[in-house]
Amino acid sequence: MSKKIVAIGGGENGRMRANGTRYPYELANQDKEIIRLTEKANPNFLLLAHAQPLERQDGYFRVMTDIYEKIYGCPCRHLKSDQLTNTSYVKNLIDWADIIFEGGGNTLDMIALWKETSFDSILKQAWIDGKVMCGVSAGANCWFKKCSSDSLKIKYGDQQPMIVMECLGFVDGLFIPHCDEKGRLESAKELLKNSDQIALAMSNCTAIEIIDDKYRLITSDASFHSIEAYGLKLYWKDGEYIEKRIDTSLEFKPLHDLLLKV
């Protein structure tokens, strides 16, 4: 059974603005690929949204239902963060799901919750079993060994620093979402300085798709962010900071090569 991850660096999903209008829906290419990977016409979609406070999880589910159910015809359910201690319920939902999608938000608290409830082990088994593990921002961070996170800023305000934190470790490397946004790459450069880690930085509207030991990037129109979507490989070697663009061709390439300092 192939192990499948689609980690999306960021992008708008059509959520509602405060003035009653909607943000654009930018991630159709990524969502269609997530569905294709299941090899089913109408796969079961499970939203986690555990990076959000409990009171916001229903709203996130409504937004994702507008996409996966109304556009693509996928049955949708969600597993709320206060349900994780109900082991039989959790396992039944995971067994039902073809797609397991975590949304954006606070990576630090989300990973702590998963480890506290042993949900991390359930997710690892789901990945081994061939379910499509995917998500955006915090929901992309989580699948990697480490990530660059703004969780302290989310909790305590913009004066807080970016941090490097341990995640689930399904894939080696340090993931950086939203790398086109102000300060993200500068922060990553400093965070990597005393690390031997390779960082994979994805802009808004860019996802890295990893199938077993192969990868490729999936991009979509990022004009809302005034950029062309891209991915970067970042690392320090012999005192020099290296920043390389990742090939955006649709050909799958060896993941091992991407994670080498070359």
C-alpha atoms as a PDB file:
ATOM      1  CA  MET A   1       0.000   0.000   0.000  1.00  0.00           C
ATOM      2  CA  SER A   2       1.493   3.363  -1.028  1.00  0.00           C
ATOM      3  CA  LYS A   3       1.976   6.005   1.655  1.00  0.00           C
ATOM      4  CA  LYS A   4       0.569   9.368   0.533  1.00  0.00           C
ATOM      5  CA  ILE A   5       1.010  12.934   1.792  1.00  0.00           C
ATOM      6  CA  VAL A   6      -0.096  16.232   0.238  1.00  0.00           C
ATOM      7  CA  ALA A   7       1.305  19.136   2.290  1.00  0.00           C
ATOM      8  CA  ILE A   8      -0.023  22.522   1.162  1.00  0.00           C
ATOM      9  CA  GLY A   9       1.972  25.646   2.028  1.00  0.00           C
ATOM     10  CA  GLY A  10      -1.105  27.862   2.192  1.00  0.00           C
ATOM     11  CA  GLY A  11      -3.917  29.334   0.153  1.00  0.00           C
ATOM     12  CA  GLU A  12      -7.478  30.494   0.458  1.00  0.00           C
ATOM     13  CA  ASN A  13     -10.379  28.037   0.579  1.00  0.00           C
ATOM     14  CA  GLY A  14     -13.333  30.340   0.000  1.00  0.00           C
ATOM     15  CA  ARG A  15     -13.907  31.166   3.671  1.00  0.00           C
ATOM     16  CA  MET A  16     -16.145  34.096   4.560  1.00  0.00           C
ATOM     17  CA  ARG A  17     -14.768  37.581   5.168  1.00  0.00           C
ATOM     18  CA  ALA A  18     -16.056  39.751   8.003  1.00  0.00           C
ATOM     19  CA  ASN A  19     -17.921  41.905   5.433  1.00  0.00           C
ATOM     20  CA  GLY A  20     -19.925  38.938   4.138  1.00  0.00           C
ATOM     21  CA  THR A  21     -17.955  38.356   0.939  1.00  0.00           C
ATOM     22  CA  ARG A  22     -15.775  35.304   0.364  1.00  0.00           C
ATOM     23  CA  TYR A  23     -12.076  34.895  -0.167  1.00  0.00           C
ATOM     24  CA  PRO A  24     -11.195  33.126  -3.424  1.00  0.00           C
ATOM     25  CA  TYR A  25     -10.993  29.360  -3.667  1.00  0.00           C
ATOM     26  CA  GLU A  26      -7.386  28.861  -4.797  1.00  0.00           C
ATOM     27  CA  LEU A  27      -6.593  25.225  -4.110  1.00  0.00           C
ATOM     28  CA  ALA A  28      -8.663  23.311  -6.686  1.00  0.00           C
ATOM     29  CA  ASN A  29      -5.550  21.733  -8.246  1.00  0.00           C
ATOM     30  CA  GLN A  30      -4.423  20.433  -4.870  1.00  0.00           C
ATOM     31  CA  ASP A  31      -7.877  19.228  -3.807  1.00  0.00           C
ATOM     32  CA  LYS A  32      -8.423  17.398  -7.114  1.00  0.00           C
ATOM     33  CA  GLU A  33      -5.070  15.651  -6.711  1.00  0.00           C
ATOM     34  CA  ILE A  34      -5.927  14.633  -3.141  1.00  0.00           C
ATOM     35  CA  ILE A  35      -9.144  13.064  -4.434  1.00  0.00           C
ATOM     36  CA  ARG A  36      -7.353  11.378  -7.370  1.00  0.00           C
ATOM     37  CA  LEU A  37      -4.899   9.713  -5.008  1.00  0.00           C
ATOM     38  CA  THR A  38      -7.716   7.752  -3.342  1.00  0.00           C
ATOM     39  CA  GLU A  39      -8.551   6.055  -6.665  1.00  0.00           C
ATOM     40  CA  LYS A  40     -12.232   6.580  -5.833  1.00  0.00           C
ATOM     41  CA  ALA A  41     -14.777   8.820  -7.542  1.00  0.00           C
ATOM     42  CA  ASN A  42     -16.339  10.033  -4.294  1.00  0.00           C
ATOM     43  CA  PRO A  43     -13.937   9.280  -1.437  1.00  0.00           C
ATOM     44  CA  ASN A  44     -14.781   9.845   2.218  1.00  0.00           C
ATOM     45  CA  PHE A  45     -13.341  13.116   3.526  1.00  0.00           C
ATOM     46  CA  LEU A  46     -12.485  13.526   7.218  1.00  0.00           C
ATOM     47  CA  LEU A  47     -11.602  16.952   8.605  1.00  0.00           C
ATOM     48  CA  LEU A  48      -9.618  17.260  11.815  1.00  0.00           C
ATOM     49  CA  ALA A  49      -9.199  21.072  12.300  1.00  0.00           C
ATOM     50  CA  HIS A  50      -7.415  20.451  15.620  1.00  0.00           C
ATOM     51  CA  ALA A  51      -5.070  23.393  15.012  1.00  0.00           C
ATOM     52  CA  GLN A  52      -8.108  25.626  15.610  1.00  0.00           C
ATOM     53  CA  PRO A  53      -9.834  26.289  18.934  1.00  0.00           C
ATOM     54  CA  LEU A  54     -12.752  23.940  19.541  1.00  0.00           C
ATOM     55  CA  GLU A  55     -15.302  26.723  19.048  1.00  0.00           C
ATOM     56  CA  ARG A  56     -14.047  27.375  15.493  1.00  0.00           C
ATOM     57  CA  GLN A  57     -13.945  23.774  14.289  1.00  0.00           C
ATOM     58  CA  ASP A  58     -17.580  23.612  13.162  1.00  0.00           C
ATOM     59  CA  GLY A  59     -17.082  26.715  11.005  1.00  0.00           C
ATOM     60  CA  TYR A  60     -13.980  25.232   9.409  1.00  0.00           C
ATOM     61  CA  PHE A  61     -15.943  22.072   8.664  1.00  0.00           C
ATOM     62  CA  ARG A  62     -18.662  24.077   6.899  1.00  0.00           C
ATOM     63  CA  VAL A  63     -16.065  25.714   4.667  1.00  0.00           C
ATOM     64  CA  MET A  64     -14.492  22.379   3.727  1.00  0.00           C
ATOM     65  CA  THR A  65     -17.901  20.783   3.164  1.00  0.00           C
ATOM     66  CA  ASP A  66     -18.644  23.549   0.652  1.00  0.00           C
ATOM     67  CA  ILE A  67     -15.614  22.301  -1.276  1.00  0.00           C
ATOM     68  CA  TYR A  68     -15.410  18.548  -0.858  1.00  0.00           C
ATOM     69  CA  GLU A  69     -19.120  17.748  -0.660  1.00  0.00           C
ATOM     70  CA  LYS A  70     -20.766  20.448  -2.788  1.00  0.00           C
ATOM     71  CA  ILE A  71     -18.110  20.692  -5.525  1.00  0.00           C
ATOM     72  CA  TYR A  72     -16.608  17.188  -5.575  1.00  0.00           C
ATOM     73  CA  GLY A  73     -19.363  14.988  -4.164  1.00  0.00           C
ATOM     74  CA  CYS A  74     -17.356  13.552  -1.270  1.00  0.00           C
ATOM     75  CA  PRO A  75     -19.152  12.429   1.905  1.00  0.00           C
ATOM     76  CA  CYS A  76     -17.738  14.626   4.686  1.00  0.00           C
ATOM     77  CA  ARG A  77     -17.390  14.131   8.431  1.00  0.00           C
ATOM     78  CA  HIS A  78     -15.215  15.754  11.059  1.00  0.00           C
ATOM     79  CA  LEU A  79     -13.461  14.619  14.201  1.00  0.00           C
ATOM     80  CA  LYS A  80     -13.414  17.334  16.840  1.00  0.00           C
ATOM     81  CA  SER A  81     -10.552  17.784  19.266  1.00  0.00           C
ATOM     82  CA  ASP A  82     -12.717  17.000  22.317  1.00  0.00           C
ATOM     83  CA  GLN A  83     -13.604  13.581  20.844  1.00  0.00           C
ATOM     84  CA  LEU A  84     -10.065  12.176  20.741  1.00  0.00           C
ATOM     85  CA  THR A  85     -10.364  10.315  24.051  1.00  0.00           C
ATOM     86  CA  ASN A  86     -13.253   8.222  22.648  1.00  0.00           C
ATOM     87  CA  THR A  87     -10.970   5.589  21.141  1.00  0.00           C
ATOM     88  CA  SER A  88     -13.581   3.426  19.456  1.00  0.00           C
ATOM     89  CA  TYR A  89     -15.285   6.451  17.870  1.00  0.00           C
ATOM     90  CA  VAL A  90     -11.936   7.789  16.650  1.00  0.00           C
ATOM     91  CA  LYS A  91     -10.878   4.477  15.120  1.00  0.00           C
ATOM     92  CA  ASN A  92     -14.239   4.041  13.391  1.00  0.00           C
ATOM     93  CA  LEU A  93     -13.962   7.476  11.798  1.00  0.00           C
ATOM     94  CA  ILE A  94     -10.366   6.894  10.705  1.00  0.00           C
ATOM     95  CA  ASP A  95     -11.349   3.519   9.221  1.00  0.00           C
ATOM     96  CA  TRP A  96     -14.202   5.232   7.338  1.00  0.00           C
ATOM     97  CA  ALA A  97     -11.981   7.979   5.905  1.00  0.00           C
ATOM     98  CA  ASP A  98     -10.127   7.876   2.594  1.00  0.00           C
ATOM     99  CA  ILE A  99      -8.809  11.425   3.039  1.00  0.00           C
ATOM    100  CA  ILE A 100      -7.597  12.808   6.385  1.00  0.00           C
ATOM    101  CA  PHE A 101      -7.227  16.596   6.213  1.00  0.00           C
ATOM    102  CA  GLU A 102      -5.893  18.886   8.946  1.00  0.00           C
ATOM    103  CA  GLY A 103      -6.450  22.616   8.610  1.00  0.00           C
ATOM    104  CA  GLY A 104      -4.363  25.643   9.520  1.00  0.00           C
ATOM    105  CA  GLY A 105      -3.771  27.191  12.917  1.00  0.00           C
ATOM    106  CA  ASN A 106      -1.658  26.457  15.986  1.00  0.00           C
ATOM    107  CA  THR A 107       0.729  23.584  15.214  1.00  0.00           C
ATOM    108  CA  LEU A 108       2.292  23.525  18.691  1.00  0.00           C
ATOM    109  CA  ASP A 109      -0.932  22.896  20.622  1.00  0.00           C
ATOM    110  CA  MET A 110      -2.219  20.507  17.946  1.00  0.00           C
ATOM    111  CA  ILE A 111       0.830  18.230  18.113  1.00  0.00           C
ATOM    112  CA  ALA A 112       0.772  18.336  21.932  1.00  0.00           C
ATOM    113  CA  LEU A 113      -2.893  17.264  21.900  1.00  0.00           C
ATOM    114  CA  TRP A 114      -2.216  14.412  19.487  1.00  0.00           C
ATOM    115  CA  LYS A 115       0.666  13.079  21.568  1.00  0.00           C
ATOM    116  CA  GLU A 116      -1.256  13.427  24.827  1.00  0.00           C
ATOM    117  CA  THR A 117      -4.179  11.400  23.446  1.00  0.00           C
ATOM    118  CA  SER A 118      -2.014   8.939  21.404  1.00  0.00           C
ATOM    119  CA  PHE A 119      -3.801  10.160  18.271  1.00  0.00           C
ATOM    120  CA  ASP A 120      -0.359  10.526  16.678  1.00  0.00           C
ATOM    121  CA  SER A 121      -0.047   6.730  16.623  1.00  0.00           C
ATOM    122  CA  ILE A 122      -3.477   6.367  15.026  1.00  0.00           C
ATOM    123  CA  LEU A 123      -2.514   8.854  12.329  1.00  0.00           C
ATOM    124  CA  LYS A 124       0.727   7.004  11.635  1.00  0.00           C
ATOM    125  CA  GLN A 125      -1.140   3.748  11.134  1.00  0.00           C
ATOM    126  CA  ALA A 126      -3.605   5.494   8.800  1.00  0.00           C
ATOM    127  CA  TRP A 127      -0.657   6.741   6.730  1.00  0.00           C
ATOM    128  CA  ILE A 128       0.862   3.237   6.620  1.00  0.00           C
ATOM    129  CA  ASP A 129      -2.546   1.889   5.566  1.00  0.00           C
ATOM    130  CA  GLY A 130      -2.531   4.139   2.488  1.00  0.00           C
ATOM    131  CA  LYS A 131      -5.001   6.848   3.440  1.00  0.00           C
ATOM    132  CA  VAL A 132      -4.283  10.267   1.931  1.00  0.00           C
ATOM    133  CA  MET A 133      -2.780  12.390   4.707  1.00  0.00           C
ATOM    134  CA  CYS A 134      -3.028  16.038   3.806  1.00  0.00           C
ATOM    135  CA  GLY A 135      -3.641  19.572   4.937  1.00  0.00           C
ATOM    136  CA  VAL A 136      -2.649  23.197   4.755  1.00  0.00           C
ATOM    137  CA  SER A 137      -0.213  25.231   6.880  1.00  0.00           C
ATOM    138  CA  ALA A 138      -0.322  23.553  10.317  1.00  0.00           C
ATOM    139  CA  GLY A 139      -1.935  20.639   8.497  1.00  0.00           C
ATOM    140  CA  ALA A 140       1.133  20.456   6.259  1.00  0.00           C
ATOM    141  CA  ASN A 141       3.686  21.031   9.024  1.00  0.00           C
ATOM    142  CA  CYS A 142       2.485  18.079  11.033  1.00  0.00           C
ATOM    143  CA  TRP A 143       3.613  15.286   8.695  1.00  0.00           C
ATOM    144  CA  PHE A 144       7.298  16.306   8.768  1.00  0.00           C
ATOM    145  CA  LYS A 145      10.045  15.696  11.305  1.00  0.00           C
ATOM    146  CA  LYS A 146      10.114  19.391  12.200  1.00  0.00           C
ATOM    147  CA  CYS A 147       8.494  22.638  11.145  1.00  0.00           C
ATOM    148  CA  SER A 148       8.871  26.380  11.414  1.00  0.00           C
ATOM    149  CA  SER A 149       5.839  27.539  13.379  1.00  0.00           C
ATOM    150  CA  ASP A 150       4.136  30.823  14.281  1.00  0.00           C
ATOM    151  CA  SER A 151       2.205  29.111  17.087  1.00  0.00           C
ATOM    152  CA  LEU A 152       3.545  31.467  19.776  1.00  0.00           C
ATOM    153  CA  LYS A 153       2.437  34.443  17.674  1.00  0.00           C
ATOM    154  CA  ILE A 154      -1.038  32.925  17.353  1.00  0.00           C
ATOM    155  CA  LYS A 155      -1.274  32.388  21.119  1.00  0.00           C
ATOM    156  CA  TYR A 156       0.525  35.418  22.528  1.00  0.00           C
ATOM    157  CA  GLY A 157       0.840  38.063  19.797  1.00  0.00           C
ATOM    158  CA  ASP A 158       3.089  39.157  16.944  1.00  0.00           C
ATOM    159  CA  GLN A 159       5.945  40.109  19.259  1.00  0.00           C
ATOM    160  CA  GLN A 160       6.622  36.404  19.826  1.00  0.00           C
ATOM    161  CA  PRO A 161       9.307  34.655  17.739  1.00  0.00           C
ATOM    162  CA  MET A 162       8.959  31.972  15.125  1.00  0.00           C
ATOM    163  CA  ILE A 163      10.033  28.589  16.509  1.00  0.00           C
ATOM    164  CA  VAL A 164      11.277  25.239  15.263  1.00  0.00           C
ATOM    165  CA  MET A 165       9.279  22.361  16.718  1.00  0.00           C
ATOM    166  CA  GLU A 166       9.086  18.583  16.493  1.00  0.00           C
ATOM    167  CA  CYS A 167       6.159  17.155  14.535  1.00  0.00           C
ATOM    168  CA  LEU A 168       5.080  13.616  13.603  1.00  0.00           C
ATOM    169  CA  GLY A 169       8.155  12.673  11.574  1.00  0.00           C
ATOM    170  CA  PHE A 170       6.455  10.741   8.769  1.00  0.00           C
ATOM    171  CA  VAL A 171       8.823  12.595   6.396  1.00  0.00           C
ATOM    172  CA  ASP A 172      12.305  13.890   7.151  1.00  0.00           C
ATOM    173  CA  GLY A 173      13.030  17.589   6.772  1.00  0.00           C
ATOM    174  CA  LEU A 174      11.760  20.844   8.237  1.00  0.00           C
ATOM    175  CA  PHE A 175       8.602  22.214   6.622  1.00  0.00           C
ATOM    176  CA  ILE A 176       7.988  25.955   6.197  1.00  0.00           C
ATOM    177  CA  PRO A 177       4.513  27.064   5.031  1.00  0.00           C
ATOM    178  CA  HIS A 178       3.553  30.479   3.581  1.00  0.00           C
ATOM    179  CA  CYS A 179       7.185  31.162   2.649  1.00  0.00           C
ATOM    180  CA  ASP A 180       6.161  34.073   0.390  1.00  0.00           C
ATOM    181  CA  GLU A 181       4.835  36.032   3.364  1.00  0.00           C
ATOM    182  CA  LYS A 182       6.899  38.776   4.966  1.00  0.00           C
ATOM    183  CA  GLY A 183       9.603  37.606   7.345  1.00  0.00           C
ATOM    184  CA  ARG A 184       9.099  33.869   6.851  1.00  0.00           C
ATOM    185  CA  LEU A 185      12.290  33.172   4.884  1.00  0.00           C
ATOM    186  CA  GLU A 186      14.417  35.539   6.959  1.00  0.00           C
ATOM    187  CA  SER A 187      13.247  33.754  10.092  1.00  0.00           C
ATOM    188  CA  ALA A 188      13.887  30.349   8.541  1.00  0.00           C
ATOM    189  CA  LYS A 189      17.439  31.335   7.651  1.00  0.00           C
ATOM    190  CA  GLU A 190      18.206  32.072  11.299  1.00  0.00           C
ATOM    191  CA  LEU A 191      16.344  29.043  12.640  1.00  0.00           C
ATOM    192  CA  LEU A 192      18.334  26.758  10.335  1.00  0.00           C
ATOM    193  CA  LYS A 193      21.705  28.281  11.181  1.00  0.00           C
ATOM    194  CA  ASN A 194      22.589  25.795  13.921  1.00  0.00           C
ATOM    195  CA  SER A 195      20.758  22.866  12.354  1.00  0.00           C
ATOM    196  CA  ASP A 196      21.779  20.094   9.978  1.00  0.00           C
ATOM    197  CA  GLN A 197      18.195  19.968   8.706  1.00  0.00           C
ATOM    198  CA  ILE A 198      17.031  20.512   5.132  1.00  0.00           C
ATOM    199  CA  ALA A 199      14.042  22.883   5.015  1.00  0.00           C
ATOM    200  CA  LEU A 200      11.304  22.592   2.412  1.00  0.00           C
ATOM    201  CA  ALA A 201       9.536  25.934   2.056  1.00  0.00           C
ATOM    202  CA  MET A 202       6.224  26.151   0.179  1.00  0.00           C
ATOM    203  CA  SER A 203       4.553  29.375  -0.850  1.00  0.00           C
ATOM    204  CA  ASN A 204       0.840  29.913  -0.774  1.00  0.00           C
ATOM    205  CA  CYS A 205      -0.783  27.814  -3.540  1.00  0.00           C
ATOM    206  CA  THR A 206       2.058  25.262  -3.564  1.00  0.00           C
ATOM    207  CA  ALA A 207       1.871  21.726  -2.198  1.00  0.00           C
ATOM    208  CA  ILE A 208       4.491  19.021  -2.023  1.00  0.00           C
ATOM    209  CA  GLU A 209       2.997  15.648  -2.911  1.00  0.00           C
ATOM    210  CA  ILE A 210       4.931  12.680  -1.497  1.00  0.00           C
ATOM    211  CA  ILE A 211       4.131   9.139  -2.580  1.00  0.00           C
ATOM    212  CA  ASP A 212       6.402   6.627  -0.830  1.00  0.00           C
ATOM    213  CA  ASP A 213       9.928   7.756  -1.796  1.00  0.00           C
ATOM    214  CA  LYS A 214       8.962  10.121  -4.653  1.00  0.00           C
ATOM    215  CA  TYR A 215       7.773  13.724  -4.703  1.00  0.00           C
ATOM    216  CA  ARG A 216       6.541  16.521  -6.940  1.00  0.00           C
ATOM    217  CA  LEU A 217       5.040  19.971  -6.461  1.00  0.00           C
ATOM    218  CA  ILE A 218       1.423  20.836  -7.203  1.00  0.00           C
ATOM    219  CA  THR A 219       0.837  24.542  -7.831  1.00  0.00           C
ATOM    220  CA  SER A 220      -2.176  26.729  -8.537  1.00  0.00           C
ATOM    221  CA  ASP A 221      -2.892  30.349  -9.421  1.00  0.00           C
ATOM    222  CA  ALA A 222      -1.382  32.536  -6.684  1.00  0.00           C
ATOM    223  CA  SER A 223      -2.189  35.920  -8.233  1.00  0.00           C
ATOM    224  CA  PHE A 224      -4.281  36.808  -5.154  1.00  0.00           C
ATOM    225  CA  HIS A 225      -0.939  36.824  -3.286  1.00  0.00           C
ATOM    226  CA  SER A 226       0.816  38.715  -6.130  1.00  0.00           C
ATOM    227  CA  ILE A 227       3.232  35.839  -6.749  1.00  0.00           C
ATOM    228  CA  GLU A 228       3.749  32.779  -8.905  1.00  0.00           C
ATOM    229  CA  ALA A 229       3.546  29.712  -6.665  1.00  0.00           C
ATOM    230  CA  TYR A 230       6.901  28.120  -5.821  1.00  0.00           C
ATOM    231  CA  GLY A 231       8.830  25.852  -3.468  1.00  0.00           C
ATOM    232  CA  LEU A 232      12.329  26.233  -2.039  1.00  0.00           C
ATOM    233  CA  LYS A 233      14.980  23.966  -0.567  1.00  0.00           C
ATOM    234  CA  LEU A 234      16.942  25.716   2.195  1.00  0.00           C
ATOM    235  CA  TYR A 235      19.997  24.712   4.216  1.00  0.00           C
ATOM    236  CA  TRP A 236      23.363  25.781   5.598  1.00  0.00           C
ATOM    237  CA  LYS A 237      26.512  24.042   4.385  1.00  0.00           C
ATOM    238  CA  ASP A 238      30.096  24.902   5.403  1.00  0.00           C
ATOM    239  CA  GLY A 239      28.955  28.256   6.782  1.00  0.00           C
ATOM    240  CA  GLU A 240      27.063  29.220   3.620  1.00  0.00           C
ATOM    241  CA  TYR A 241      23.294  29.624   3.374  1.00  0.00           C
ATOM    242  CA  ILE A 242      21.854  27.864   0.316  1.00  0.00           C
ATOM    243  CA  GLU A 243      18.441  28.599  -1.183  1.00  0.00           C
ATOM    244  CA  LYS A 244      17.316  26.644  -4.259  1.00  0.00           C
ATOM    245  CA  ARG A 245      14.089  26.612  -6.238  1.00  0.00           C
ATOM    246  CA  ILE A 246      12.422  23.217  -6.412  1.00  0.00           C
ATOM    247  CA  ASP A 247      11.481  21.968  -9.870  1.00  0.00           C
ATOM    248  CA  THR A 248       7.754  22.432 -10.492  1.00  0.00           C
ATOM    249  CA  SER A 249       7.452  19.927 -13.340  1.00  0.00           C
ATOM    250  CA  LEU A 250       4.798  17.264 -12.835  1.00  0.00           C
ATOM    251  CA  GLU A 251       7.336  14.444 -13.030  1.00  0.00           C
ATOM    252  CA  PHE A 252       7.879  12.556  -9.775  1.00  0.00           C
ATOM    253  CA  LYS A 253      11.466  12.716  -8.489  1.00  0.00           C
ATOM    254  CA  PRO A 254      13.397  10.883  -5.726  1.00  0.00           C
ATOM    255  CA  LEU A 255      12.640  12.328  -2.278  1.00  0.00           C
ATOM    256  CA  HIS A 256      16.085  11.202  -1.089  1.00  0.00           C
ATOM    257  CA  ASP A 257      17.750  13.635  -3.516  1.00  0.00           C
ATOM    258  CA  LEU A 258      15.607  16.530  -2.308  1.00  0.00           C
ATOM    259  CA  LEU A 259      16.725  15.922   1.276  1.00  0.00           C
ATOM    260  CA  LEU A 260      20.455  15.967   0.465  1.00  0.00           C
ATOM    261  CA  LYS A 261      22.645  19.060   0.935  1.00  0.00           C
ATOM    262  CA  VAL A 262      23.538  19.297  -2.751  1.00  0.00           C
END
